[in-house]
N, C-alpha and C. Protein backbone atom coordinates (compact mmCIF):
# COMPACT_ATOMS: atom_id res chain seq x y z
N MET A 1 46.02 -26.94 -63.44
CA MET A 1 46.89 -28.04 -63.08
C MET A 1 47.99 -27.53 -62.15
N THR A 2 48.24 -28.26 -61.10
CA THR A 2 49.29 -27.85 -60.17
C THR A 2 50.57 -28.63 -60.44
N ASP A 3 51.68 -28.05 -60.05
CA ASP A 3 52.98 -28.64 -60.31
C ASP A 3 53.92 -28.21 -59.19
N ASN A 4 54.41 -29.17 -58.42
CA ASN A 4 55.26 -28.82 -57.29
C ASN A 4 56.68 -28.48 -57.70
N THR A 5 56.97 -28.42 -59.00
CA THR A 5 58.28 -27.92 -59.43
C THR A 5 58.27 -26.40 -59.49
N PHE A 6 57.11 -25.80 -59.30
CA PHE A 6 57.00 -24.35 -59.30
C PHE A 6 57.69 -23.76 -58.07
N THR A 7 58.21 -22.55 -58.24
CA THR A 7 58.74 -21.75 -57.15
C THR A 7 58.12 -20.37 -57.25
N ILE A 8 57.73 -19.83 -56.12
CA ILE A 8 57.26 -18.45 -56.04
C ILE A 8 58.42 -17.62 -55.53
N ARG A 9 58.80 -16.58 -56.29
CA ARG A 9 59.89 -15.69 -55.89
C ARG A 9 59.32 -14.29 -55.67
N ILE A 10 59.52 -13.77 -54.48
CA ILE A 10 59.00 -12.44 -54.13
C ILE A 10 60.18 -11.50 -53.94
N SER A 11 60.15 -10.39 -54.67
CA SER A 11 61.19 -9.36 -54.55
C SER A 11 60.62 -8.17 -53.79
N ILE A 12 61.18 -7.91 -52.63
CA ILE A 12 60.74 -6.76 -51.82
C ILE A 12 61.07 -5.46 -52.58
N ARG A 13 62.26 -5.36 -53.11
CA ARG A 13 62.69 -4.15 -53.80
C ARG A 13 61.79 -3.83 -54.99
N GLN A 14 61.44 -4.85 -55.77
CA GLN A 14 60.63 -4.63 -56.97
C GLN A 14 59.13 -4.71 -56.71
N GLN A 15 58.74 -5.10 -55.49
CA GLN A 15 57.32 -5.27 -55.16
C GLN A 15 56.66 -6.15 -56.23
N SER A 16 57.30 -7.31 -56.45
CA SER A 16 56.80 -8.23 -57.46
C SER A 16 56.88 -9.67 -56.96
N LEU A 17 56.03 -10.50 -57.54
CA LEU A 17 56.00 -11.93 -57.27
C LEU A 17 56.11 -12.62 -58.62
N SER A 18 57.07 -13.53 -58.73
CA SER A 18 57.27 -14.29 -59.96
C SER A 18 56.95 -15.75 -59.70
N LEU A 19 56.14 -16.33 -60.56
CA LEU A 19 55.89 -17.77 -60.54
C LEU A 19 56.81 -18.39 -61.57
N CYS A 20 57.68 -19.28 -61.11
CA CYS A 20 58.68 -19.88 -62.00
C CYS A 20 58.55 -21.39 -62.01
N ASP A 21 58.86 -21.97 -63.15
CA ASP A 21 58.99 -23.41 -63.31
C ASP A 21 60.47 -23.65 -63.56
N GLY A 22 61.18 -24.08 -62.53
CA GLY A 22 62.64 -24.13 -62.62
C GLY A 22 63.14 -22.71 -62.74
N GLU A 23 63.91 -22.42 -63.78
CA GLU A 23 64.41 -21.07 -64.02
C GLU A 23 63.52 -20.29 -64.99
N GLN A 24 62.49 -20.94 -65.52
CA GLN A 24 61.62 -20.29 -66.50
C GLN A 24 60.52 -19.49 -65.81
N LEU A 25 60.42 -18.20 -66.15
CA LEU A 25 59.36 -17.35 -65.63
C LEU A 25 58.04 -17.72 -66.30
N ILE A 26 57.04 -18.03 -65.49
CA ILE A 26 55.71 -18.34 -65.99
C ILE A 26 54.86 -17.07 -66.01
N LYS A 27 54.88 -16.33 -64.89
CA LYS A 27 54.07 -15.12 -64.80
C LYS A 27 54.63 -14.25 -63.69
N GLU A 28 54.52 -12.94 -63.86
CA GLU A 28 54.94 -11.99 -62.83
C GLU A 28 53.74 -11.16 -62.41
N TYR A 29 53.65 -10.90 -61.10
CA TYR A 29 52.54 -10.16 -60.53
C TYR A 29 53.06 -8.99 -59.70
N LYS A 30 52.28 -7.94 -59.64
CA LYS A 30 52.53 -6.81 -58.75
C LYS A 30 52.05 -7.22 -57.34
N VAL A 31 52.84 -6.90 -56.32
CA VAL A 31 52.46 -7.19 -54.94
C VAL A 31 52.76 -5.98 -54.06
N CYS A 32 52.33 -6.07 -52.83
CA CYS A 32 52.63 -5.06 -51.82
C CYS A 32 53.07 -5.79 -50.56
N THR A 33 54.24 -5.45 -50.05
CA THR A 33 54.77 -6.08 -48.85
C THR A 33 54.67 -5.11 -47.67
N ALA A 34 55.39 -5.38 -46.60
CA ALA A 34 55.21 -4.68 -45.33
C ALA A 34 55.69 -3.23 -45.32
N LYS A 35 54.87 -2.40 -44.75
CA LYS A 35 55.22 -0.99 -44.53
C LYS A 35 56.48 -0.87 -43.67
N ASN A 36 56.65 -1.80 -42.73
CA ASN A 36 57.80 -1.76 -41.82
C ASN A 36 59.06 -2.40 -42.41
N GLY A 37 59.01 -2.78 -43.68
CA GLY A 37 60.18 -3.36 -44.33
C GLY A 37 60.31 -4.85 -44.08
N VAL A 38 61.54 -5.32 -44.13
CA VAL A 38 61.79 -6.74 -43.95
C VAL A 38 62.26 -7.04 -42.54
N GLY A 39 61.93 -8.23 -42.09
CA GLY A 39 62.34 -8.68 -40.76
C GLY A 39 61.57 -9.90 -40.36
N GLU A 40 62.11 -10.63 -39.44
CA GLU A 40 61.54 -11.93 -39.09
C GLU A 40 60.96 -11.99 -37.67
N GLN A 41 61.19 -10.97 -36.86
CA GLN A 41 60.79 -11.03 -35.45
C GLN A 41 59.28 -10.97 -35.26
N PHE A 42 58.79 -11.78 -34.34
CA PHE A 42 57.38 -11.76 -33.96
C PHE A 42 57.00 -10.35 -33.51
N GLY A 43 55.87 -9.86 -33.98
CA GLY A 43 55.38 -8.54 -33.59
C GLY A 43 55.96 -7.39 -34.39
N SER A 44 56.87 -7.66 -35.31
CA SER A 44 57.54 -6.59 -36.06
C SER A 44 56.68 -6.01 -37.18
N GLU A 45 55.68 -6.76 -37.64
CA GLU A 45 54.88 -6.38 -38.81
C GLU A 45 55.77 -6.14 -40.03
N CYS A 46 56.82 -6.94 -40.14
CA CYS A 46 57.73 -6.92 -41.28
C CYS A 46 57.51 -8.16 -42.12
N THR A 47 57.88 -8.09 -43.39
CA THR A 47 57.82 -9.26 -44.27
C THR A 47 59.08 -10.09 -44.06
N PRO A 48 58.92 -11.39 -43.75
CA PRO A 48 60.08 -12.24 -43.50
C PRO A 48 60.79 -12.66 -44.78
N ARG A 49 62.10 -12.72 -44.72
CA ARG A 49 62.91 -13.13 -45.86
C ARG A 49 63.24 -14.61 -45.78
N GLY A 50 63.77 -15.11 -46.88
CA GLY A 50 64.32 -16.46 -46.91
C GLY A 50 63.42 -17.48 -47.56
N GLU A 51 63.75 -18.72 -47.29
CA GLU A 51 63.07 -19.88 -47.88
C GLU A 51 61.82 -20.23 -47.07
N HIS A 52 60.74 -20.41 -47.79
CA HIS A 52 59.46 -20.78 -47.19
C HIS A 52 58.79 -21.83 -48.06
N VAL A 53 57.68 -22.37 -47.56
CA VAL A 53 56.79 -23.20 -48.37
C VAL A 53 55.36 -22.73 -48.13
N VAL A 54 54.50 -23.01 -49.09
CA VAL A 54 53.07 -22.81 -48.88
C VAL A 54 52.62 -23.92 -47.96
N ARG A 55 52.27 -23.58 -46.74
CA ARG A 55 51.86 -24.57 -45.74
C ARG A 55 50.41 -24.98 -45.92
N ALA A 56 49.56 -24.01 -46.27
CA ALA A 56 48.14 -24.29 -46.45
C ALA A 56 47.54 -23.34 -47.46
N LYS A 57 46.53 -23.84 -48.17
CA LYS A 57 45.76 -23.04 -49.12
C LYS A 57 44.34 -22.93 -48.56
N ILE A 58 43.84 -21.71 -48.45
CA ILE A 58 42.54 -21.47 -47.83
C ILE A 58 41.68 -20.63 -48.77
N GLY A 59 40.44 -21.07 -48.98
CA GLY A 59 39.47 -20.29 -49.74
C GLY A 59 39.25 -20.74 -51.16
N GLU A 60 39.49 -21.99 -51.44
CA GLU A 60 39.51 -22.48 -52.82
C GLU A 60 38.36 -22.02 -53.72
N ASN A 61 37.14 -22.14 -53.29
CA ASN A 61 36.02 -21.78 -54.16
C ASN A 61 35.31 -20.51 -53.74
N ALA A 62 35.93 -19.72 -52.90
CA ALA A 62 35.31 -18.48 -52.44
C ALA A 62 35.21 -17.48 -53.60
N PRO A 63 34.16 -16.68 -53.64
CA PRO A 63 34.05 -15.65 -54.67
C PRO A 63 35.15 -14.60 -54.52
N LEU A 64 35.50 -13.97 -55.64
CA LEU A 64 36.48 -12.88 -55.57
C LEU A 64 35.97 -11.81 -54.61
N GLY A 65 36.85 -11.29 -53.78
CA GLY A 65 36.48 -10.26 -52.82
C GLY A 65 35.93 -10.80 -51.51
N SER A 66 35.86 -12.12 -51.35
CA SER A 66 35.39 -12.69 -50.08
C SER A 66 36.31 -12.26 -48.95
N VAL A 67 35.72 -11.95 -47.81
CA VAL A 67 36.47 -11.44 -46.65
C VAL A 67 36.79 -12.59 -45.69
N PHE A 68 38.03 -12.62 -45.23
CA PHE A 68 38.48 -13.58 -44.23
C PHE A 68 38.87 -12.84 -42.96
N ILE A 69 38.49 -13.41 -41.82
CA ILE A 69 39.00 -12.97 -40.52
C ILE A 69 39.43 -14.24 -39.80
N GLY A 70 40.66 -14.27 -39.33
CA GLY A 70 41.17 -15.46 -38.66
C GLY A 70 41.12 -16.68 -39.57
N ARG A 71 41.38 -16.48 -40.86
CA ARG A 71 41.40 -17.54 -41.87
C ARG A 71 40.04 -18.18 -42.10
N ARG A 72 38.98 -17.53 -41.67
CA ARG A 72 37.61 -18.03 -41.87
C ARG A 72 36.83 -17.01 -42.69
N LEU A 73 36.04 -17.52 -43.60
CA LEU A 73 35.17 -16.64 -44.39
C LEU A 73 34.12 -16.00 -43.48
N THR A 74 33.90 -14.72 -43.68
CA THR A 74 32.89 -14.01 -42.88
C THR A 74 31.52 -14.01 -43.54
N GLY A 75 31.47 -14.36 -44.83
CA GLY A 75 30.24 -14.26 -45.59
C GLY A 75 30.10 -12.91 -46.28
N GLU A 76 31.03 -12.01 -46.04
CA GLU A 76 31.01 -10.68 -46.65
C GLU A 76 31.79 -10.70 -47.95
N ILE A 77 31.41 -9.80 -48.85
CA ILE A 77 32.17 -9.51 -50.05
C ILE A 77 32.62 -8.06 -49.94
N TYR A 78 33.92 -7.83 -50.09
CA TYR A 78 34.47 -6.50 -49.92
C TYR A 78 33.83 -5.50 -50.89
N ASN A 79 33.49 -4.32 -50.34
CA ASN A 79 33.03 -3.19 -51.16
C ASN A 79 33.33 -1.91 -50.37
N GLN A 80 33.13 -0.78 -50.99
CA GLN A 80 33.48 0.49 -50.34
C GLN A 80 32.67 0.74 -49.08
N ASP A 81 31.38 0.36 -49.07
CA ASP A 81 30.56 0.54 -47.87
C ASP A 81 31.12 -0.26 -46.70
N LEU A 82 31.56 -1.49 -46.97
CA LEU A 82 32.15 -2.33 -45.93
C LEU A 82 33.46 -1.71 -45.43
N ASN A 83 34.25 -1.20 -46.36
CA ASN A 83 35.50 -0.53 -45.98
C ASN A 83 35.21 0.68 -45.10
N ASP A 84 34.19 1.47 -45.47
CA ASP A 84 33.84 2.65 -44.69
C ASP A 84 33.34 2.27 -43.28
N ALA A 85 32.64 1.14 -43.19
CA ALA A 85 32.11 0.68 -41.89
C ALA A 85 33.22 0.13 -40.98
N PHE A 86 34.28 -0.42 -41.58
CA PHE A 86 35.38 -1.03 -40.81
C PHE A 86 36.72 -0.50 -41.33
N PRO A 87 37.00 0.79 -41.13
CA PRO A 87 38.19 1.40 -41.73
C PRO A 87 39.52 0.86 -41.19
N ASP A 88 39.52 0.21 -40.03
CA ASP A 88 40.77 -0.27 -39.44
C ASP A 88 41.06 -1.75 -39.70
N ARG A 89 40.19 -2.42 -40.46
CA ARG A 89 40.44 -3.83 -40.76
C ARG A 89 41.64 -3.98 -41.68
N ASP A 90 42.40 -5.04 -41.43
CA ASP A 90 43.45 -5.45 -42.35
C ASP A 90 42.78 -6.41 -43.33
N TRP A 91 42.42 -5.94 -44.51
CA TRP A 91 41.59 -6.69 -45.44
C TRP A 91 42.34 -7.87 -46.04
N ILE A 92 41.86 -9.06 -45.73
CA ILE A 92 42.38 -10.31 -46.29
C ILE A 92 41.24 -10.89 -47.12
N LEU A 93 41.45 -10.92 -48.44
CA LEU A 93 40.37 -11.22 -49.37
C LEU A 93 40.72 -12.38 -50.31
N THR A 94 39.69 -13.04 -50.81
CA THR A 94 39.68 -13.97 -51.94
C THR A 94 40.36 -15.31 -51.68
N ARG A 95 41.66 -15.34 -51.43
CA ARG A 95 42.41 -16.57 -51.19
C ARG A 95 43.55 -16.28 -50.22
N ILE A 96 43.97 -17.34 -49.52
CA ILE A 96 45.12 -17.25 -48.60
C ILE A 96 46.08 -18.38 -48.93
N LEU A 97 47.34 -18.03 -49.14
CA LEU A 97 48.43 -19.00 -49.18
C LEU A 97 49.25 -18.74 -47.91
N TRP A 98 49.10 -19.63 -46.92
CA TRP A 98 49.73 -19.46 -45.61
C TRP A 98 51.16 -19.98 -45.69
N LEU A 99 52.12 -19.15 -45.35
CA LEU A 99 53.52 -19.50 -45.49
C LEU A 99 54.12 -20.06 -44.20
N SER A 100 55.08 -20.95 -44.37
CA SER A 100 55.84 -21.52 -43.27
C SER A 100 57.31 -21.43 -43.63
N GLY A 101 58.11 -20.87 -42.73
CA GLY A 101 59.55 -20.78 -42.95
C GLY A 101 60.19 -22.15 -42.90
N THR A 102 61.30 -22.31 -43.60
CA THR A 102 62.02 -23.59 -43.60
C THR A 102 63.43 -23.47 -43.01
N GLU A 103 63.81 -22.25 -42.60
CA GLU A 103 65.16 -22.03 -42.08
C GLU A 103 65.11 -21.82 -40.57
N ARG A 104 65.41 -22.89 -39.83
CA ARG A 104 65.36 -22.84 -38.37
C ARG A 104 66.25 -21.71 -37.83
N GLY A 105 65.66 -20.88 -36.97
CA GLY A 105 66.38 -19.76 -36.38
C GLY A 105 66.34 -18.49 -37.21
N LYS A 106 65.97 -18.61 -38.49
CA LYS A 106 65.86 -17.43 -39.35
C LYS A 106 64.38 -17.07 -39.57
N ASN A 107 63.57 -18.06 -39.96
CA ASN A 107 62.14 -17.81 -40.20
C ASN A 107 61.27 -18.98 -39.72
N ARG A 108 61.88 -19.85 -38.90
CA ARG A 108 61.16 -21.00 -38.36
C ARG A 108 61.56 -21.20 -36.91
N SER A 109 60.55 -21.40 -36.07
CA SER A 109 60.71 -21.66 -34.63
C SER A 109 60.97 -20.37 -33.85
N GLY A 110 60.67 -20.44 -32.57
CA GLY A 110 60.92 -19.33 -31.67
C GLY A 110 60.22 -18.04 -32.07
N ASN A 111 60.93 -16.92 -31.89
CA ASN A 111 60.36 -15.59 -32.16
C ASN A 111 60.47 -15.16 -33.62
N VAL A 112 60.84 -16.09 -34.51
CA VAL A 112 60.98 -15.76 -35.93
C VAL A 112 60.15 -16.70 -36.81
N ASP A 113 59.15 -17.33 -36.24
CA ASP A 113 58.38 -18.34 -36.97
C ASP A 113 57.33 -17.70 -37.89
N THR A 114 57.56 -17.79 -39.19
CA THR A 114 56.67 -17.19 -40.18
C THR A 114 55.24 -17.69 -40.03
N MET A 115 55.06 -18.99 -39.84
CA MET A 115 53.70 -19.54 -39.75
C MET A 115 52.97 -19.02 -38.51
N ARG A 116 53.65 -18.99 -37.38
CA ARG A 116 53.01 -18.49 -36.16
C ARG A 116 52.80 -16.99 -36.19
N ARG A 117 53.47 -16.31 -37.11
CA ARG A 117 53.24 -14.87 -37.32
C ARG A 117 52.06 -14.64 -38.26
N TYR A 118 51.50 -15.72 -38.79
CA TYR A 118 50.36 -15.63 -39.72
C TYR A 118 50.70 -14.79 -40.95
N ILE A 119 51.80 -15.14 -41.59
CA ILE A 119 52.22 -14.45 -42.80
C ILE A 119 51.63 -15.20 -44.00
N TYR A 120 50.90 -14.46 -44.83
CA TYR A 120 50.21 -15.03 -45.98
C TYR A 120 50.58 -14.28 -47.25
N ILE A 121 50.31 -14.93 -48.37
CA ILE A 121 50.10 -14.27 -49.65
C ILE A 121 48.59 -14.25 -49.78
N HIS A 122 47.98 -13.06 -49.94
CA HIS A 122 46.52 -13.00 -49.95
C HIS A 122 46.03 -11.87 -50.84
N GLY A 123 44.76 -11.94 -51.17
CA GLY A 123 44.12 -10.88 -51.93
C GLY A 123 43.85 -9.67 -51.05
N ALA A 124 43.72 -8.52 -51.69
CA ALA A 124 43.47 -7.26 -50.98
C ALA A 124 42.72 -6.31 -51.91
N PRO A 125 42.10 -5.28 -51.34
CA PRO A 125 41.48 -4.27 -52.20
C PRO A 125 42.52 -3.66 -53.15
N ASP A 126 42.09 -3.36 -54.36
CA ASP A 126 43.00 -2.83 -55.38
C ASP A 126 43.86 -1.68 -54.86
N GLU A 127 43.24 -0.76 -54.11
CA GLU A 127 43.97 0.43 -53.66
C GLU A 127 45.06 0.10 -52.64
N LEU A 128 45.02 -1.10 -52.04
CA LEU A 128 46.05 -1.50 -51.08
C LEU A 128 47.21 -2.24 -51.73
N VAL A 129 47.06 -2.57 -53.01
CA VAL A 129 48.15 -3.21 -53.75
C VAL A 129 48.79 -2.11 -54.59
N CYS A 130 49.59 -1.32 -53.90
CA CYS A 130 50.18 -0.13 -54.51
C CYS A 130 51.68 -0.33 -54.62
N SER A 131 52.36 0.62 -55.21
CA SER A 131 53.81 0.50 -55.37
C SER A 131 54.56 0.71 -54.05
N GLU A 132 53.91 1.32 -53.09
CA GLU A 132 54.53 1.54 -51.78
C GLU A 132 54.19 0.41 -50.83
N PRO A 133 55.19 -0.20 -50.19
CA PRO A 133 54.91 -1.22 -49.19
C PRO A 133 53.98 -0.67 -48.11
N SER A 134 52.92 -1.41 -47.77
CA SER A 134 51.95 -0.89 -46.81
C SER A 134 51.27 -1.97 -45.97
N SER A 135 51.66 -3.25 -46.13
CA SER A 135 50.98 -4.32 -45.40
C SER A 135 51.51 -4.42 -43.96
N HIS A 136 50.92 -5.33 -43.22
CA HIS A 136 51.33 -5.59 -41.83
C HIS A 136 52.30 -6.77 -41.75
N GLY A 137 52.91 -7.13 -42.88
CA GLY A 137 53.86 -8.24 -42.93
C GLY A 137 53.57 -9.22 -44.06
N CYS A 138 52.31 -9.32 -44.43
CA CYS A 138 51.91 -10.24 -45.49
C CYS A 138 52.28 -9.69 -46.87
N VAL A 139 52.04 -10.52 -47.87
CA VAL A 139 52.24 -10.15 -49.27
C VAL A 139 50.85 -10.00 -49.88
N ARG A 140 50.48 -8.78 -50.21
CA ARG A 140 49.15 -8.50 -50.78
C ARG A 140 49.21 -8.59 -52.30
N MET A 141 48.12 -9.13 -52.87
CA MET A 141 47.99 -9.22 -54.32
C MET A 141 46.60 -8.75 -54.73
N LEU A 142 46.45 -8.40 -56.00
CA LEU A 142 45.12 -8.13 -56.54
C LEU A 142 44.31 -9.43 -56.48
N ASN A 143 43.01 -9.32 -56.29
CA ASN A 143 42.17 -10.50 -56.09
C ASN A 143 42.21 -11.48 -57.26
N GLU A 144 42.12 -10.98 -58.48
CA GLU A 144 42.18 -11.86 -59.64
C GLU A 144 43.53 -12.58 -59.72
N ASP A 145 44.59 -11.85 -59.38
CA ASP A 145 45.93 -12.42 -59.43
C ASP A 145 46.12 -13.51 -58.38
N VAL A 146 45.67 -13.28 -57.16
CA VAL A 146 45.87 -14.29 -56.12
C VAL A 146 45.03 -15.53 -56.42
N ALA A 147 43.86 -15.36 -57.01
CA ALA A 147 43.05 -16.52 -57.39
C ALA A 147 43.77 -17.35 -58.46
N GLU A 148 44.39 -16.66 -59.42
CA GLU A 148 45.14 -17.35 -60.48
C GLU A 148 46.35 -18.08 -59.90
N LEU A 149 47.11 -17.41 -59.03
CA LEU A 149 48.27 -18.04 -58.40
C LEU A 149 47.86 -19.24 -57.56
N PHE A 150 46.80 -19.07 -56.78
CA PHE A 150 46.27 -20.13 -55.92
C PHE A 150 45.98 -21.39 -56.73
N ALA A 151 45.36 -21.21 -57.90
CA ALA A 151 45.00 -22.34 -58.76
C ALA A 151 46.23 -23.02 -59.36
N ALA A 152 47.33 -22.28 -59.49
CA ALA A 152 48.53 -22.80 -60.15
C ALA A 152 49.45 -23.58 -59.23
N VAL A 153 49.37 -23.36 -57.92
CA VAL A 153 50.32 -23.97 -56.99
C VAL A 153 49.61 -24.89 -56.02
N GLU A 154 50.39 -25.66 -55.30
CA GLU A 154 49.82 -26.55 -54.29
C GLU A 154 50.55 -26.36 -52.97
N ALA A 155 49.99 -26.90 -51.92
CA ALA A 155 50.67 -26.90 -50.63
C ALA A 155 52.03 -27.57 -50.83
N GLY A 156 53.05 -26.99 -50.23
CA GLY A 156 54.41 -27.50 -50.39
C GLY A 156 55.23 -26.74 -51.41
N THR A 157 54.58 -25.87 -52.18
CA THR A 157 55.31 -25.08 -53.17
C THR A 157 56.35 -24.20 -52.49
N ARG A 158 57.53 -24.18 -53.03
CA ARG A 158 58.64 -23.38 -52.50
C ARG A 158 58.38 -21.90 -52.73
N VAL A 159 58.68 -21.06 -51.71
CA VAL A 159 58.53 -19.62 -51.78
C VAL A 159 59.83 -19.00 -51.28
N VAL A 160 60.42 -18.12 -52.09
CA VAL A 160 61.66 -17.44 -51.71
C VAL A 160 61.37 -15.95 -51.66
N ILE A 161 61.60 -15.35 -50.49
CA ILE A 161 61.38 -13.91 -50.32
C ILE A 161 62.76 -13.26 -50.14
N SER A 162 63.06 -12.30 -51.03
CA SER A 162 64.37 -11.65 -50.96
C SER A 162 64.21 -10.13 -50.98
N ASP A 163 65.27 -9.46 -50.48
CA ASP A 163 65.28 -8.00 -50.49
C ASP A 163 65.19 -7.53 -51.92
């Protein structure tokens, strides 16, 4: 069941994502944010801060480990052989929650537009969801976790990303 009173809170410092109903914590997840730290500029490969919403949900019934390129399923399921064949891919797996900034001039419009930067909450290989920030700007989650979060929220859900 989805509920638009939910808020997703992402802590860069703690590398965690909390799903809250009002002030009540529903569930906390381990995440991995950007290797380059926080920032909003286009091309920075940083995780943007501030108020966002889930603009779109992609991959609703895809199997765990499904591979996305350009927000489209490739028909592949992630495994070590696939990783070895494409070692430079930025693995986007299982589900995508595409974020859109709501603060004009901070994370919306111009060179700081979160949506045009293609910033997502998405699944990733287990080894890429580590305690050290290592993404290209997105928020990586374990595949089972992102599938669970995806099922709990709807488009329009508030997302707050803080240091």
